[in-house]
Amino acid sequence: MLSKIDSMKLVYLLVGACLAIVVDLSPAQSLPSTTQTAVFAGGCFWWIQPAFDKAPGVIKTTVGYCGGTEPNPTYELVGSEKTKYRESIEIVYDPAKISYEQLLDIYWKQIDPTQSDGQFTDVGPSYRAAVFYGNDEEKSIAEASKEKLARSGKFKKAVVTELLPAMKFWPAEDYHQKYYQQNPEHFEAFEHGSGRVSFQKKTWGEKP
């Protein structure tokens, strides 16, 4: 038979093991049962990341490159404008908390949807805006959202943002990720200098 002391030690060990299991399981339990992914191109990817990071229901954002075919694209390669890649953002989200349509509503407010050659002062093929839809449902939602935007009366010119079938998304280099946190002063100076902030205030009444 176990002594009283041995019995107490066994109880403590069992309690500790149970607590360890609870701690290990808790992160997994906090994750949604299903997640979905959206990919948007909106000019310089530095500028569009903050708005999605703040949105409830967005789990993770990654800036990178989409639309091209060369494997393992780099910032230098994409910036050479010799590929079909566009600076983009990949958004992993919980569809129970935020919908694809709501993500599009955020997206439209980060760009000038009437500009076809890039975004603001960032001009070139890699800066052209696009919605990369992953399936027919996303395509239909994007088409309806674009049409709603065109009819909103916010813009005097046509809404020309392209809706394109999704291609492989490649994450950008680490120094581009959450640039607004890594280099806040540089980020703010360039964001205002690009004309993006003034455009947002003029179009939407305030910076979204």
N, C-alpha and C. Protein backbone atom coordinates (compact mmCIF):
# COMPACT_ATOMS: atom_id res chain seq x y z
N MET A 1 0.84 -1.20 0.00
CA MET A 1 0.00 0.00 0.00
C MET A 1 0.88 1.26 0.00
N LEU A 2 0.34 2.33 -0.61
CA LEU A 2 1.07 3.59 -0.61
C LEU A 2 0.94 4.28 0.73
N SER A 3 2.04 4.90 1.17
CA SER A 3 1.98 5.69 2.39
C SER A 3 1.19 6.95 2.13
N LYS A 4 0.87 7.68 3.20
CA LYS A 4 0.11 8.92 3.06
C LYS A 4 0.89 9.92 2.22
N ILE A 5 2.23 9.98 2.45
CA ILE A 5 3.07 10.91 1.70
C ILE A 5 3.11 10.54 0.23
N ASP A 6 3.28 9.20 -0.04
CA ASP A 6 3.32 8.76 -1.43
C ASP A 6 1.99 9.04 -2.12
N SER A 7 0.89 8.87 -1.41
CA SER A 7 -0.43 9.13 -1.99
C SER A 7 -0.58 10.61 -2.36
N MET A 8 -0.09 11.47 -1.47
CA MET A 8 -0.17 12.90 -1.73
C MET A 8 0.67 13.26 -2.96
N LYS A 9 1.87 12.66 -3.09
CA LYS A 9 2.72 12.92 -4.25
C LYS A 9 2.03 12.49 -5.53
N LEU A 10 1.35 11.33 -5.48
CA LEU A 10 0.65 10.84 -6.66
C LEU A 10 -0.47 11.78 -7.07
N VAL A 11 -1.19 12.32 -6.09
CA VAL A 11 -2.26 13.26 -6.37
C VAL A 11 -1.71 14.51 -7.04
N TYR A 12 -0.60 15.04 -6.50
CA TYR A 12 0.00 16.24 -7.07
C TYR A 12 0.45 16.01 -8.52
N LEU A 13 1.03 14.82 -8.76
CA LEU A 13 1.48 14.50 -10.10
C LEU A 13 0.32 14.44 -11.09
N LEU A 14 -0.80 13.82 -10.65
CA LEU A 14 -1.97 13.70 -11.51
C LEU A 14 -2.59 15.07 -11.80
N VAL A 15 -2.66 15.92 -10.77
CA VAL A 15 -3.20 17.26 -10.95
C VAL A 15 -2.33 18.07 -11.90
N GLY A 16 -1.01 17.96 -11.73
CA GLY A 16 -0.08 18.68 -12.60
C GLY A 16 -0.21 18.24 -14.04
N ALA A 17 -0.37 16.94 -14.25
CA ALA A 17 -0.52 16.42 -15.60
C ALA A 17 -1.79 16.93 -16.25
N CYS A 18 -2.87 16.98 -15.49
CA CYS A 18 -4.14 17.48 -16.01
C CYS A 18 -4.04 18.95 -16.40
N LEU A 19 -3.37 19.73 -15.54
CA LEU A 19 -3.21 21.15 -15.83
C LEU A 19 -2.37 21.35 -17.08
N ALA A 20 -1.34 20.53 -17.25
CA ALA A 20 -0.49 20.64 -18.42
C ALA A 20 -1.27 20.36 -19.69
N ILE A 21 -2.17 19.37 -19.62
CA ILE A 21 -3.00 19.03 -20.78
C ILE A 21 -3.91 20.19 -21.13
N VAL A 22 -4.51 20.81 -20.11
CA VAL A 22 -5.41 21.94 -20.34
C VAL A 22 -4.66 23.10 -20.98
N VAL A 23 -3.46 23.38 -20.47
CA VAL A 23 -2.65 24.47 -21.02
C VAL A 23 -2.29 24.20 -22.46
N ASP A 24 -1.92 22.94 -22.76
CA ASP A 24 -1.51 22.60 -24.11
C ASP A 24 -2.66 22.69 -25.10
N LEU A 25 -3.86 22.37 -24.62
CA LEU A 25 -5.02 22.34 -25.50
C LEU A 25 -5.63 23.71 -25.70
N SER A 26 -5.44 24.62 -24.77
CA SER A 26 -6.13 25.90 -24.83
C SER A 26 -5.87 26.70 -26.10
N PRO A 27 -4.62 26.78 -26.64
CA PRO A 27 -4.43 27.52 -27.87
C PRO A 27 -5.22 26.95 -29.04
N ALA A 28 -5.24 25.60 -29.14
CA ALA A 28 -5.96 24.97 -30.23
C ALA A 28 -7.46 25.24 -30.12
N GLN A 29 -7.98 25.27 -28.88
CA GLN A 29 -9.40 25.48 -28.69
C GLN A 29 -9.81 26.90 -29.07
N SER A 30 -8.87 27.86 -29.03
CA SER A 30 -9.19 29.24 -29.31
C SER A 30 -9.25 29.52 -30.81
N LEU A 31 -8.71 28.62 -31.63
CA LEU A 31 -8.74 28.81 -33.06
C LEU A 31 -10.11 28.45 -33.62
N PRO A 32 -10.56 29.15 -34.67
CA PRO A 32 -11.84 28.81 -35.29
C PRO A 32 -11.77 27.45 -35.95
N SER A 33 -12.91 26.79 -36.06
CA SER A 33 -12.94 25.46 -36.65
C SER A 33 -12.62 25.50 -38.14
N THR A 34 -13.01 26.59 -38.80
CA THR A 34 -12.69 26.75 -40.22
C THR A 34 -12.19 28.16 -40.47
N THR A 35 -11.23 28.28 -41.37
CA THR A 35 -10.73 29.59 -41.78
C THR A 35 -10.78 29.67 -43.30
N GLN A 36 -10.78 30.87 -43.81
CA GLN A 36 -10.73 31.09 -45.25
C GLN A 36 -9.64 32.11 -45.56
N THR A 37 -9.27 32.18 -46.82
CA THR A 37 -8.19 33.06 -47.24
C THR A 37 -8.63 33.96 -48.38
N ALA A 38 -8.24 35.22 -48.30
CA ALA A 38 -8.51 36.19 -49.38
C ALA A 38 -7.18 36.80 -49.80
N VAL A 39 -7.06 37.13 -51.08
CA VAL A 39 -5.85 37.76 -51.59
C VAL A 39 -6.23 38.98 -52.42
N PHE A 40 -5.66 40.13 -52.06
CA PHE A 40 -5.91 41.38 -52.77
C PHE A 40 -4.58 42.04 -53.15
N ALA A 41 -4.54 42.69 -54.30
CA ALA A 41 -3.42 43.55 -54.68
C ALA A 41 -3.93 44.99 -54.61
N GLY A 42 -3.15 45.85 -53.97
CA GLY A 42 -3.61 47.22 -53.78
C GLY A 42 -2.50 48.24 -53.78
N GLY A 43 -1.59 48.12 -54.74
CA GLY A 43 -0.44 49.03 -54.75
C GLY A 43 0.60 48.55 -53.77
N CYS A 44 1.37 49.47 -53.22
CA CYS A 44 2.41 49.11 -52.25
C CYS A 44 1.79 48.34 -51.09
N PHE A 45 2.29 47.12 -50.88
CA PHE A 45 1.64 46.27 -49.87
C PHE A 45 1.84 46.77 -48.44
N TRP A 46 2.79 47.67 -48.22
CA TRP A 46 2.96 48.23 -46.87
C TRP A 46 1.69 48.92 -46.40
N TRP A 47 1.04 49.65 -47.34
CA TRP A 47 -0.04 50.56 -46.94
C TRP A 47 -1.34 49.84 -46.60
N ILE A 48 -1.59 48.69 -47.20
CA ILE A 48 -2.90 48.08 -47.02
C ILE A 48 -2.96 47.08 -45.86
N GLN A 49 -1.82 46.76 -45.28
CA GLN A 49 -1.82 45.76 -44.22
C GLN A 49 -2.46 46.24 -42.91
N PRO A 50 -2.21 47.48 -42.45
CA PRO A 50 -2.76 47.89 -41.14
C PRO A 50 -4.27 47.76 -41.02
N ALA A 51 -5.00 48.16 -42.04
CA ALA A 51 -6.47 48.13 -41.96
C ALA A 51 -7.00 46.72 -41.75
N PHE A 52 -6.38 45.75 -42.39
CA PHE A 52 -6.83 44.36 -42.23
C PHE A 52 -6.38 43.78 -40.89
N ASP A 53 -5.20 44.19 -40.43
CA ASP A 53 -4.74 43.71 -39.13
C ASP A 53 -5.68 44.15 -38.01
N LYS A 54 -6.32 45.30 -38.17
CA LYS A 54 -7.21 45.84 -37.13
C LYS A 54 -8.63 45.26 -37.21
N ALA A 55 -8.96 44.59 -38.29
CA ALA A 55 -10.33 44.13 -38.49
C ALA A 55 -10.66 42.91 -37.63
N PRO A 56 -11.71 42.96 -36.83
CA PRO A 56 -12.13 41.79 -36.04
C PRO A 56 -12.47 40.62 -36.96
N GLY A 57 -11.95 39.46 -36.62
CA GLY A 57 -12.20 38.28 -37.44
C GLY A 57 -11.03 37.92 -38.34
N VAL A 58 -10.12 38.88 -38.54
CA VAL A 58 -8.90 38.59 -39.32
C VAL A 58 -7.89 37.94 -38.39
N ILE A 59 -7.41 36.78 -38.76
CA ILE A 59 -6.51 36.00 -37.92
C ILE A 59 -5.04 36.32 -38.23
N LYS A 60 -4.75 36.48 -39.52
CA LYS A 60 -3.36 36.69 -39.91
C LYS A 60 -3.31 37.38 -41.27
N THR A 61 -2.35 38.27 -41.45
CA THR A 61 -2.10 38.85 -42.77
C THR A 61 -0.63 38.67 -43.13
N THR A 62 -0.39 38.48 -44.42
CA THR A 62 0.97 38.34 -44.93
C THR A 62 1.05 39.10 -46.24
N VAL A 63 2.05 39.96 -46.37
CA VAL A 63 2.23 40.65 -47.65
C VAL A 63 3.16 39.83 -48.53
N GLY A 64 2.94 39.94 -49.83
CA GLY A 64 3.74 39.14 -50.75
C GLY A 64 3.40 39.42 -52.19
N TYR A 65 3.52 38.39 -53.02
CA TYR A 65 3.40 38.56 -54.46
C TYR A 65 2.43 37.54 -55.04
N CYS A 66 1.58 38.00 -55.96
CA CYS A 66 0.61 37.11 -56.59
C CYS A 66 0.39 37.57 -58.04
N GLY A 67 0.06 36.61 -58.90
CA GLY A 67 -0.24 36.94 -60.28
C GLY A 67 0.80 36.52 -61.29
N GLY A 68 1.98 36.13 -60.82
CA GLY A 68 3.05 35.72 -61.73
C GLY A 68 3.27 34.22 -61.73
N THR A 69 4.27 33.80 -62.47
CA THR A 69 4.53 32.35 -62.60
C THR A 69 5.93 31.94 -62.17
N GLU A 70 6.86 32.89 -62.09
CA GLU A 70 8.22 32.53 -61.69
C GLU A 70 8.24 32.07 -60.23
N PRO A 71 8.93 30.97 -59.93
CA PRO A 71 8.96 30.48 -58.55
C PRO A 71 9.83 31.35 -57.65
N ASN A 72 9.45 31.40 -56.38
CA ASN A 72 10.22 32.13 -55.36
C ASN A 72 10.57 33.57 -55.77
N PRO A 73 9.58 34.37 -56.12
CA PRO A 73 9.87 35.74 -56.53
C PRO A 73 10.45 36.57 -55.38
N THR A 74 11.29 37.50 -55.70
CA THR A 74 11.88 38.41 -54.72
C THR A 74 11.36 39.82 -54.99
N TYR A 75 11.59 40.71 -54.04
CA TYR A 75 11.18 42.10 -54.19
C TYR A 75 11.88 42.73 -55.40
N GLU A 76 13.15 42.40 -55.56
CA GLU A 76 13.92 42.94 -56.68
C GLU A 76 13.35 42.46 -58.02
N LEU A 77 13.02 41.17 -58.10
CA LEU A 77 12.47 40.62 -59.35
C LEU A 77 11.14 41.26 -59.68
N VAL A 78 10.25 41.32 -58.69
CA VAL A 78 8.93 41.90 -58.93
C VAL A 78 9.05 43.38 -59.28
N GLY A 79 9.95 44.08 -58.59
CA GLY A 79 10.15 45.50 -58.84
C GLY A 79 10.77 45.81 -60.19
N SER A 80 11.35 44.81 -60.82
CA SER A 80 11.93 45.02 -62.15
C SER A 80 10.85 45.20 -63.21
N GLU A 81 9.61 44.88 -62.86
CA GLU A 81 8.45 44.97 -63.75
C GLU A 81 8.59 44.06 -64.98
N LYS A 82 9.34 42.98 -64.81
CA LYS A 82 9.49 42.02 -65.90
C LYS A 82 8.67 40.76 -65.67
N THR A 83 7.85 40.77 -64.62
CA THR A 83 6.98 39.63 -64.33
C THR A 83 5.54 40.13 -64.28
N LYS A 84 4.62 39.23 -64.07
CA LYS A 84 3.21 39.60 -63.93
C LYS A 84 2.79 39.67 -62.46
N TYR A 85 3.77 39.56 -61.57
CA TYR A 85 3.45 39.62 -60.15
C TYR A 85 2.98 41.02 -59.74
N ARG A 86 2.10 41.04 -58.75
CA ARG A 86 1.66 42.30 -58.15
C ARG A 86 1.88 42.21 -56.64
N GLU A 87 2.27 43.32 -56.04
CA GLU A 87 2.38 43.34 -54.59
C GLU A 87 0.98 43.12 -54.02
N SER A 88 0.87 42.16 -53.12
CA SER A 88 -0.45 41.71 -52.66
C SER A 88 -0.44 41.44 -51.16
N ILE A 89 -1.62 41.15 -50.65
CA ILE A 89 -1.76 40.75 -49.25
C ILE A 89 -2.65 39.52 -49.17
N GLU A 90 -2.21 38.56 -48.36
CA GLU A 90 -3.00 37.35 -48.10
C GLU A 90 -3.61 37.49 -46.71
N ILE A 91 -4.91 37.29 -46.63
CA ILE A 91 -5.64 37.47 -45.37
C ILE A 91 -6.29 36.16 -44.97
N VAL A 92 -5.91 35.66 -43.82
CA VAL A 92 -6.57 34.48 -43.25
C VAL A 92 -7.59 34.98 -42.24
N TYR A 93 -8.84 34.55 -42.41
CA TYR A 93 -9.90 35.10 -41.57
C TYR A 93 -10.91 34.04 -41.13
N ASP A 94 -11.67 34.41 -40.11
CA ASP A 94 -12.72 33.55 -39.58
C ASP A 94 -14.04 34.00 -40.21
N PRO A 95 -14.62 33.20 -41.12
CA PRO A 95 -15.85 33.62 -41.80
C PRO A 95 -17.05 33.75 -40.88
N ALA A 96 -16.94 33.22 -39.66
CA ALA A 96 -18.03 33.37 -38.69
C ALA A 96 -18.02 34.77 -38.08
N LYS A 97 -16.89 35.48 -38.21
CA LYS A 97 -16.76 36.81 -37.61
C LYS A 97 -16.67 37.94 -38.63
N ILE A 98 -16.17 37.63 -39.81
CA ILE A 98 -16.07 38.63 -40.86
C ILE A 98 -16.24 37.93 -42.20
N SER A 99 -17.00 38.55 -43.09
CA SER A 99 -17.31 37.92 -44.37
C SER A 99 -16.36 38.40 -45.46
N TYR A 100 -16.36 37.70 -46.56
CA TYR A 100 -15.55 38.10 -47.72
C TYR A 100 -16.02 39.47 -48.22
N GLU A 101 -17.31 39.68 -48.21
CA GLU A 101 -17.86 40.97 -48.63
C GLU A 101 -17.36 42.11 -47.73
N GLN A 102 -17.29 41.86 -46.43
CA GLN A 102 -16.79 42.88 -45.51
C GLN A 102 -15.30 43.15 -45.73
N LEU A 103 -14.55 42.13 -46.07
CA LEU A 103 -13.14 42.33 -46.39
C LEU A 103 -13.00 43.21 -47.64
N LEU A 104 -13.87 43.00 -48.61
CA LEU A 104 -13.86 43.83 -49.81
C LEU A 104 -14.19 45.28 -49.48
N ASP A 105 -15.12 45.48 -48.56
CA ASP A 105 -15.46 46.84 -48.14
C ASP A 105 -14.24 47.55 -47.56
N ILE A 106 -13.44 46.83 -46.79
CA ILE A 106 -12.19 47.39 -46.25
C ILE A 106 -11.21 47.67 -47.38
N TYR A 107 -11.10 46.71 -48.28
CA TYR A 107 -10.15 46.82 -49.39
C TYR A 107 -10.40 48.05 -50.26
N TRP A 108 -11.64 48.27 -50.63
CA TRP A 108 -11.95 49.39 -51.51
C TRP A 108 -11.51 50.72 -50.91
N LYS A 109 -11.56 50.81 -49.60
CA LYS A 109 -11.21 52.07 -48.93
C LYS A 109 -9.71 52.27 -48.78
N GLN A 110 -8.93 51.28 -49.18
CA GLN A 110 -7.46 51.40 -49.11
C GLN A 110 -6.86 51.80 -50.44
N ILE A 111 -7.64 51.78 -51.50
CA ILE A 111 -7.09 52.01 -52.84
C ILE A 111 -7.86 53.08 -53.58
N ASP A 112 -7.33 53.46 -54.75
CA ASP A 112 -8.08 54.27 -55.71
C ASP A 112 -8.53 53.31 -56.81
N PRO A 113 -9.78 52.87 -56.77
CA PRO A 113 -10.24 51.86 -57.74
C PRO A 113 -10.41 52.39 -59.16
N THR A 114 -10.17 53.69 -59.36
CA THR A 114 -10.27 54.25 -60.70
C THR A 114 -8.91 54.36 -61.38
N GLN A 115 -7.85 54.00 -60.68
CA GLN A 115 -6.50 54.09 -61.24
C GLN A 115 -6.07 52.75 -61.81
N SER A 116 -5.66 52.74 -63.06
CA SER A 116 -5.35 51.47 -63.74
C SER A 116 -3.86 51.18 -63.87
N ASP A 117 -3.00 52.20 -63.70
CA ASP A 117 -1.57 52.00 -63.94
C ASP A 117 -0.76 51.79 -62.67
N GLY A 118 -1.41 51.65 -61.54
CA GLY A 118 -0.75 51.47 -60.26
C GLY A 118 -1.63 52.02 -59.16
N GLN A 119 -1.02 52.51 -58.10
CA GLN A 119 -1.78 53.11 -57.01
C GLN A 119 -1.05 54.35 -56.51
N PHE A 120 -1.72 55.50 -56.68
CA PHE A 120 -1.19 56.78 -56.24
C PHE A 120 0.16 57.03 -56.92
N THR A 121 1.21 57.33 -56.17
CA THR A 121 2.49 57.63 -56.82
C THR A 121 3.28 56.37 -57.17
N ASP A 122 2.80 55.21 -56.76
CA ASP A 122 3.45 53.95 -57.11
C ASP A 122 2.85 53.47 -58.43
N VAL A 123 3.59 53.68 -59.50
CA VAL A 123 3.09 53.37 -60.84
C VAL A 123 3.91 52.26 -61.46
N GLY A 124 3.23 51.31 -62.09
CA GLY A 124 3.90 50.19 -62.72
C GLY A 124 3.04 48.94 -62.59
N PRO A 125 3.28 47.94 -63.41
CA PRO A 125 2.47 46.72 -63.39
C PRO A 125 2.37 46.05 -62.02
N SER A 126 3.45 46.07 -61.24
CA SER A 126 3.43 45.38 -59.95
C SER A 126 2.59 46.10 -58.91
N TYR A 127 2.18 47.34 -59.21
CA TYR A 127 1.38 48.11 -58.26
C TYR A 127 -0.10 48.19 -58.66
N ARG A 128 -0.48 47.51 -59.72
CA ARG A 128 -1.87 47.55 -60.15
C ARG A 128 -2.77 46.79 -59.19
N ALA A 129 -3.93 47.36 -58.93
CA ALA A 129 -4.86 46.76 -57.98
C ALA A 129 -5.61 45.59 -58.62
N ALA A 130 -5.94 44.60 -57.80
CA ALA A 130 -6.70 43.44 -58.28
C ALA A 130 -7.27 42.66 -57.10
N VAL A 131 -8.42 42.06 -57.34
CA VAL A 131 -9.00 41.11 -56.40
C VAL A 131 -8.76 39.73 -56.99
N PHE A 132 -8.04 38.89 -56.27
CA PHE A 132 -7.78 37.52 -56.72
C PHE A 132 -8.81 36.59 -56.07
N TYR A 133 -9.82 36.24 -56.81
CA TYR A 133 -10.88 35.38 -56.26
C TYR A 133 -10.48 33.91 -56.33
N GLY A 134 -10.88 33.16 -55.27
CA GLY A 134 -10.47 31.77 -55.17
C GLY A 134 -11.46 30.77 -55.72
N ASN A 135 -12.70 31.19 -55.94
CA ASN A 135 -13.73 30.28 -56.45
C ASN A 135 -14.87 31.12 -57.05
N ASP A 136 -15.87 30.43 -57.57
CA ASP A 136 -16.98 31.12 -58.23
C ASP A 136 -17.77 31.98 -57.26
N GLU A 137 -17.90 31.52 -56.02
CA GLU A 137 -18.64 32.30 -55.02
C GLU A 137 -17.93 33.63 -54.75
N GLU A 138 -16.62 33.58 -54.55
CA GLU A 138 -15.86 34.80 -54.32
C GLU A 138 -15.93 35.71 -55.54
N LYS A 139 -15.90 35.13 -56.74
CA LYS A 139 -16.00 35.93 -57.96
C LYS A 139 -17.32 36.68 -58.00
N SER A 140 -18.41 36.01 -57.68
CA SER A 140 -19.74 36.63 -57.70
C SER A 140 -19.83 37.74 -56.66
N ILE A 141 -19.29 37.47 -55.47
CA ILE A 141 -19.32 38.48 -54.41
C ILE A 141 -18.50 39.70 -54.81
N ALA A 142 -17.33 39.45 -55.41
CA ALA A 142 -16.45 40.55 -55.84
C ALA A 142 -17.10 41.37 -56.94
N GLU A 143 -17.75 40.71 -57.88
CA GLU A 143 -18.44 41.42 -58.97
C GLU A 143 -19.54 42.31 -58.42
N ALA A 144 -20.32 41.77 -57.49
CA ALA A 144 -21.42 42.55 -56.90
C ALA A 144 -20.87 43.72 -56.08
N SER A 145 -19.78 43.48 -55.37
CA SER A 145 -19.17 44.52 -54.54
C SER A 145 -18.61 45.64 -55.42
N LYS A 146 -17.97 45.28 -56.51
CA LYS A 146 -17.41 46.26 -57.44
C LYS A 146 -18.52 47.08 -58.07
N GLU A 147 -19.60 46.43 -58.45
CA GLU A 147 -20.74 47.13 -59.04
C GLU A 147 -21.37 48.09 -58.04
N LYS A 148 -21.49 47.66 -56.81
CA LYS A 148 -22.03 48.51 -55.75
C LYS A 148 -21.16 49.75 -55.56
N LEU A 149 -19.84 49.54 -55.60
CA LEU A 149 -18.91 50.66 -55.46
C LEU A 149 -19.06 51.63 -56.62
N ALA A 150 -19.20 51.09 -57.84
CA ALA A 150 -19.32 51.93 -59.03
C ALA A 150 -20.59 52.78 -58.98
N ARG A 151 -21.62 52.26 -58.35
CA ARG A 151 -22.90 52.96 -58.27
C ARG A 151 -23.00 53.87 -57.04
N SER A 152 -21.96 53.89 -56.22
CA SER A 152 -22.02 54.62 -54.96
C SER A 152 -22.00 56.13 -55.13
N GLY A 153 -21.52 56.59 -56.28
CA GLY A 153 -21.40 58.02 -56.51
C GLY A 153 -20.14 58.63 -55.91
N LYS A 154 -19.27 57.80 -55.39
CA LYS A 154 -18.03 58.28 -54.77
C LYS A 154 -16.99 58.70 -55.81
N PHE A 155 -17.12 58.17 -57.02
CA PHE A 155 -16.08 58.39 -58.01
C PHE A 155 -16.66 58.95 -59.31
N LYS A 156 -15.96 59.91 -59.89
CA LYS A 156 -16.39 60.49 -61.16
C LYS A 156 -15.93 59.64 -62.33
N LYS A 157 -14.86 58.87 -62.12
CA LYS A 157 -14.34 58.01 -63.18
C LYS A 157 -14.76 56.57 -62.93
N ALA A 158 -14.58 55.74 -63.95
CA ALA A 158 -14.99 54.33 -63.85
C ALA A 158 -14.12 53.56 -62.87
N VAL A 159 -14.72 52.57 -62.22
CA VAL A 159 -13.99 51.67 -61.33
C VAL A 159 -13.34 50.60 -62.21
N VAL A 160 -12.02 50.54 -62.19
CA VAL A 160 -11.30 49.68 -63.14
C VAL A 160 -10.50 48.56 -62.47
N THR A 161 -10.61 48.42 -61.17
CA THR A 161 -9.88 47.35 -60.47
C THR A 161 -10.23 45.99 -61.06
N GLU A 162 -9.21 45.22 -61.38
CA GLU A 162 -9.43 43.92 -62.03
C GLU A 162 -9.84 42.84 -61.03
N LEU A 163 -10.66 41.92 -61.50
CA LEU A 163 -11.03 40.72 -60.75
C LEU A 163 -10.41 39.55 -61.49
N LEU A 164 -9.45 38.87 -60.84
CA LEU A 164 -8.66 37.84 -61.50
C LEU A 164 -8.70 36.52 -60.73
N PRO A 165 -8.62 35.40 -61.43
CA PRO A 165 -8.54 34.11 -60.72
C PRO A 165 -7.27 34.02 -59.89
N ALA A 166 -7.39 33.46 -58.71
CA ALA A 166 -6.25 33.38 -57.79
C ALA A 166 -5.14 32.51 -58.37
N MET A 167 -3.92 32.92 -58.06
CA MET A 167 -2.73 32.15 -58.39
C MET A 167 -1.94 31.95 -57.10
N LYS A 168 -0.85 31.22 -57.19
CA LYS A 168 -0.07 30.95 -56.00
C LYS A 168 0.43 32.26 -55.38
N PHE A 169 0.27 32.37 -54.08
CA PHE A 169 0.74 33.54 -53.34
C PHE A 169 2.08 33.21 -52.71
N TRP A 170 3.04 34.12 -52.89
CA TRP A 170 4.37 33.94 -52.31
C TRP A 170 4.61 35.03 -51.27
N PRO A 171 4.90 34.67 -50.02
CA PRO A 171 5.19 35.69 -48.99
C PRO A 171 6.41 36.52 -49.36
N ALA A 172 6.36 37.79 -49.04
CA ALA A 172 7.49 38.68 -49.26
C ALA A 172 8.53 38.50 -48.16
N GLU A 173 9.66 39.13 -48.33
CA GLU A 173 10.76 39.06 -47.36
C GLU A 173 10.30 39.60 -46.01
N ASP A 174 10.97 39.14 -44.95
CA ASP A 174 10.56 39.48 -43.58
C ASP A 174 10.52 40.99 -43.34
N TYR A 175 11.45 41.72 -43.95
CA TYR A 175 11.50 43.16 -43.64
C TYR A 175 10.31 43.93 -44.21
N HIS A 176 9.51 43.28 -45.05
CA HIS A 176 8.29 43.92 -45.57
C HIS A 176 7.07 43.65 -44.68
N GLN A 177 7.15 42.60 -43.87
CA GLN A 177 5.99 42.20 -43.06
C GLN A 177 5.73 43.23 -41.96
N LYS A 178 4.48 43.70 -41.90
CA LYS A 178 4.08 44.69 -40.89
C LYS A 178 5.08 45.85 -40.84
N TYR A 179 5.34 46.38 -42.00
CA TYR A 179 6.32 47.47 -42.12
C TYR A 179 5.91 48.66 -41.26
N TYR A 180 4.61 48.85 -41.12
CA TYR A 180 4.13 49.98 -40.32
C TYR A 180 4.51 49.85 -38.85
N GLN A 181 4.81 48.65 -38.41
CA GLN A 181 5.29 48.44 -37.04
C GLN A 181 6.81 48.47 -36.97
N GLN A 182 7.45 47.95 -37.98
CA GLN A 182 8.91 47.91 -37.99
C GLN A 182 9.53 49.30 -38.20
N ASN A 183 8.89 50.11 -39.04
CA ASN A 183 9.42 51.44 -39.35
C ASN A 183 8.27 52.46 -39.38
N PRO A 184 7.70 52.75 -38.23
CA PRO A 184 6.49 53.59 -38.19
C PRO A 184 6.68 55.00 -38.76
N GLU A 185 7.81 55.64 -38.49
CA GLU A 185 8.01 57.01 -38.97
C GLU A 185 8.16 57.04 -40.49
N HIS A 186 8.94 56.12 -41.01
CA HIS A 186 9.13 56.02 -42.46
C HIS A 186 7.82 55.68 -43.14
N PHE A 187 7.07 54.77 -42.53
CA PHE A 187 5.78 54.36 -43.08
C PHE A 187 4.84 55.56 -43.17
N GLU A 188 4.72 56.31 -42.10
CA GLU A 188 3.79 57.44 -42.06
C GLU A 188 4.18 58.51 -43.08
N ALA A 189 5.47 58.79 -43.17
CA ALA A 189 5.93 59.81 -44.11
C ALA A 189 5.62 59.42 -45.55
N PHE A 190 5.87 58.17 -45.90
CA PHE A 190 5.61 57.71 -47.26
C PHE A 190 4.12 57.60 -47.54
N GLU A 191 3.35 57.19 -46.55
CA GLU A 191 1.91 57.05 -46.73
C GLU A 191 1.28 58.40 -47.06
N HIS A 192 1.68 59.43 -46.32
CA HIS A 192 1.14 60.77 -46.58
C HIS A 192 1.71 61.33 -47.89
N GLY A 193 3.00 61.08 -48.14
CA GLY A 193 3.63 61.60 -49.34
C GLY A 193 3.07 61.00 -50.62
N SER A 194 2.54 59.80 -50.53
CA SER A 194 2.00 59.13 -51.72
C SER A 194 0.68 59.72 -52.18
N GLY A 195 0.00 60.45 -51.30
CA GLY A 195 -1.31 60.99 -51.63
C GLY A 195 -2.45 60.08 -51.21
N ARG A 196 -2.12 58.92 -50.66
CA ARG A 196 -3.14 57.96 -50.27
C ARG A 196 -4.04 58.52 -49.16
N VAL A 197 -3.43 59.11 -48.15
CA VAL A 197 -4.21 59.59 -47.00
C VAL A 197 -5.16 60.71 -47.41
N SER A 198 -4.67 61.66 -48.19
CA SER A 198 -5.52 62.77 -48.62
C SER A 198 -6.66 62.26 -49.51
N PHE A 199 -6.38 61.26 -50.34
CA PHE A 199 -7.43 60.67 -51.18
C PHE A 199 -8.49 60.00 -50.32
N GLN A 200 -8.06 59.26 -49.31
CA GLN A 200 -9.01 58.59 -48.43
C GLN A 200 -9.90 59.58 -47.69
N LYS A 201 -9.29 60.66 -47.21
CA LYS A 201 -10.07 61.66 -46.48
C LYS A 201 -11.06 62.36 -47.41
N LYS A 202 -10.63 62.65 -48.63
CA LYS A 202 -11.50 63.32 -49.59
C LYS A 202 -12.65 62.42 -50.01
N THR A 203 -12.37 61.14 -50.18
CA THR A 203 -13.37 60.20 -50.71
C THR A 203 -14.30 59.68 -49.62
N TRP A 204 -13.72 59.35 -48.48
CA TRP A 204 -14.50 58.68 -47.42
C TRP A 204 -14.75 59.55 -46.19
N GLY A 205 -14.19 60.75 -46.18
CA GLY A 205 -14.44 61.66 -45.07
C GLY A 205 -13.40 61.58 -43.98
N GLU A 206 -12.69 60.46 -43.92
CA GLU A 206 -11.62 60.28 -42.94
C GLU A 206 -10.77 59.11 -43.40
N LYS A 207 -9.61 58.97 -42.77
CA LYS A 207 -8.74 57.83 -43.09
C LYS A 207 -9.38 56.57 -42.54
N PRO A 208 -9.77 55.61 -43.41
CA PRO A 208 -10.45 54.39 -42.94
C PRO A 208 -9.57 53.56 -42.02
